[in-house]
Amino acid sequence: MARRSRSDRMGLCGKRGEKMTNNVKLFCANIVFVLLVYFGACVNIEARIRTLETSNSELQQTIRTQKDELEKAEEKNVMQDVIINKLNNDYNSRMAQQLQEIADQNGVGG
């Protein structure tokens, strides 16, 4: 009787060995497929991130522009308030002067 080699005894040759090799190939193919799907997802996510960063940058610029416009409008409002207050003071002063003149002409007041 012929003595069996160690590889025969461990099942690494013949049909059992071929089946194991096919299982290893299938396992490797599955790993490669998963890695390709993962790589595709990463590329897709990276593209979305770039789009969001661009959109975010544009929105930040819009916010800065609107903030500058609001500051200018606030300055304009302050200047208009100063002018209106001066005009009101001038008007009130003139009215008070006219009323005093009328009172003096009529001999009323003190």
Protein backbone atom coordinates (compact mmCIF):
# COMPACT_ATOMS: atom_id res chain seq x y z
CA MET A 1 0.00 0.00 0.00
CA ALA A 2 1.27 3.43 -1.01
CA ARG A 3 1.84 5.95 1.58
CA ARG A 4 -0.23 9.15 1.23
CA SER A 5 1.55 12.46 1.17
CA ARG A 6 0.93 15.02 3.79
CA SER A 7 -0.97 17.28 1.32
CA ASP A 8 -3.27 14.37 0.47
CA ARG A 9 -4.00 13.74 4.10
CA MET A 10 -4.77 17.44 4.74
CA GLY A 11 -7.14 17.68 1.80
CA LEU A 12 -5.22 20.26 -0.20
CA CYS A 13 -5.16 18.29 -3.42
CA GLY A 14 -7.84 16.77 -5.57
CA LYS A 15 -11.47 17.90 -5.51
CA ARG A 16 -11.38 19.09 -1.96
CA GLY A 17 -8.35 21.26 -2.70
CA GLU A 18 -9.97 22.66 -5.85
CA LYS A 19 -13.12 23.45 -3.90
CA MET A 20 -11.13 25.29 -1.28
CA THR A 21 -9.30 27.23 -3.97
CA ASN A 22 -12.63 28.16 -5.55
CA ASN A 23 -13.90 29.30 -2.16
CA VAL A 24 -10.81 31.46 -1.71
CA LYS A 25 -11.29 32.93 -5.19
CA LEU A 26 -14.95 33.64 -4.47
CA PHE A 27 -14.02 35.23 -1.15
CA CYS A 28 -11.39 37.42 -2.84
CA ALA A 29 -13.87 38.40 -5.57
CA ASN A 30 -16.39 39.39 -2.89
CA ILE A 31 -13.74 41.47 -1.10
CA VAL A 32 -12.82 43.20 -4.38
CA PHE A 33 -16.50 43.89 -5.11
CA VAL A 34 -17.06 45.35 -1.64
CA LEU A 35 -13.93 47.51 -2.02
CA LEU A 36 -15.11 48.77 -5.43
CA VAL A 37 -18.53 49.66 -3.99
CA TYR A 38 -16.81 51.38 -1.06
CA PHE A 39 -14.50 53.29 -3.43
CA GLY A 40 -17.47 54.39 -5.55
CA ALA A 41 -19.32 55.56 -2.45
CA CYS A 42 -16.25 57.53 -1.31
CA VAL A 43 -15.93 59.24 -4.69
CA ASN A 44 -19.64 60.08 -4.67
CA ILE A 45 -19.48 61.45 -1.13
CA GLU A 46 -16.39 63.51 -1.99
CA ALA A 47 -18.19 65.04 -4.98
CA ARG A 48 -21.18 65.89 -2.79
CA ILE A 49 -18.89 67.46 -0.19
CA ARG A 50 -17.27 69.65 -2.86
CA THR A 51 -20.71 70.74 -4.06
CA LEU A 52 -21.77 71.57 -0.49
CA GLU A 53 -18.53 73.46 0.16
CA THR A 54 -19.05 75.53 -2.99
CA SER A 55 -22.66 76.21 -2.05
CA ASN A 56 -21.63 77.08 1.50
CA SER A 57 -18.96 79.48 0.23
CA GLU A 58 -21.49 81.21 -2.02
CA LEU A 59 -23.97 81.51 0.84
CA GLN A 60 -21.30 82.96 3.13
CA GLN A 61 -20.43 85.55 0.48
CA THR A 62 -24.13 86.44 0.13
CA ILE A 63 -24.39 86.82 3.91
CA ARG A 64 -21.32 89.10 3.97
CA THR A 65 -22.76 91.22 1.16
CA GLN A 66 -26.15 91.52 2.88
CA LYS A 67 -24.46 92.32 6.19
CA ASP A 68 -22.51 95.13 4.52
CA GLU A 69 -25.71 96.44 2.92
CA LEU A 70 -27.50 96.35 6.29
CA GLU A 71 -24.66 98.26 7.94
CA LYS A 72 -24.84 100.91 5.22
CA ALA A 73 -28.62 101.14 5.62
CA GLU A 74 -28.22 101.50 9.40
CA GLU A 75 -25.69 104.30 8.90
CA LYS A 76 -28.06 105.99 6.47
CA ASN A 77 -30.92 105.67 8.98
CA VAL A 78 -28.78 107.20 11.72
CA MET A 79 -27.87 110.12 9.45
CA GLN A 80 -31.53 110.57 8.50
CA ASP A 81 -32.51 110.53 12.18
CA VAL A 82 -29.92 113.22 12.92
CA ILE A 83 -31.24 115.38 10.07
CA ILE A 84 -34.87 114.89 11.15
CA ASN A 85 -34.00 115.78 14.76
CA LYS A 86 -32.22 118.93 13.61
CA LEU A 87 -35.17 119.91 11.42
CA ASN A 88 -37.63 119.23 14.26
CA ASN A 89 -35.54 121.28 16.68
CA ASP A 90 -35.33 124.11 14.17
CA TYR A 91 -39.08 123.96 13.53
CA ASN A 92 -39.90 123.86 17.24
CA SER A 93 -37.53 126.79 17.87
CA ARG A 94 -39.16 128.85 15.09
CA MET A 95 -42.65 127.99 16.32
CA ALA A 96 -41.70 128.93 19.86
CA GLN A 97 -40.24 132.21 18.58
CA GLN A 98 -43.37 132.95 16.52
CA LEU A 99 -45.63 132.15 19.45
CA GLN A 100 -43.55 134.41 21.67
CA GLU A 101 -43.78 137.23 19.10
CA ILE A 102 -47.58 136.81 18.89
CA ALA A 103 -47.83 136.77 22.68
CA ASP A 104 -45.70 139.91 22.88
CA GLN A 105 -47.86 141.68 20.29
CA ASN A 106 -51.01 140.77 22.25
CA GLY A 107 -49.45 141.65 25.57
CA VAL A 108 -49.85 138.12 26.86
CA GLY A 109 -47.22 135.99 28.49
CA GLY A 110 -44.26 136.80 30.53
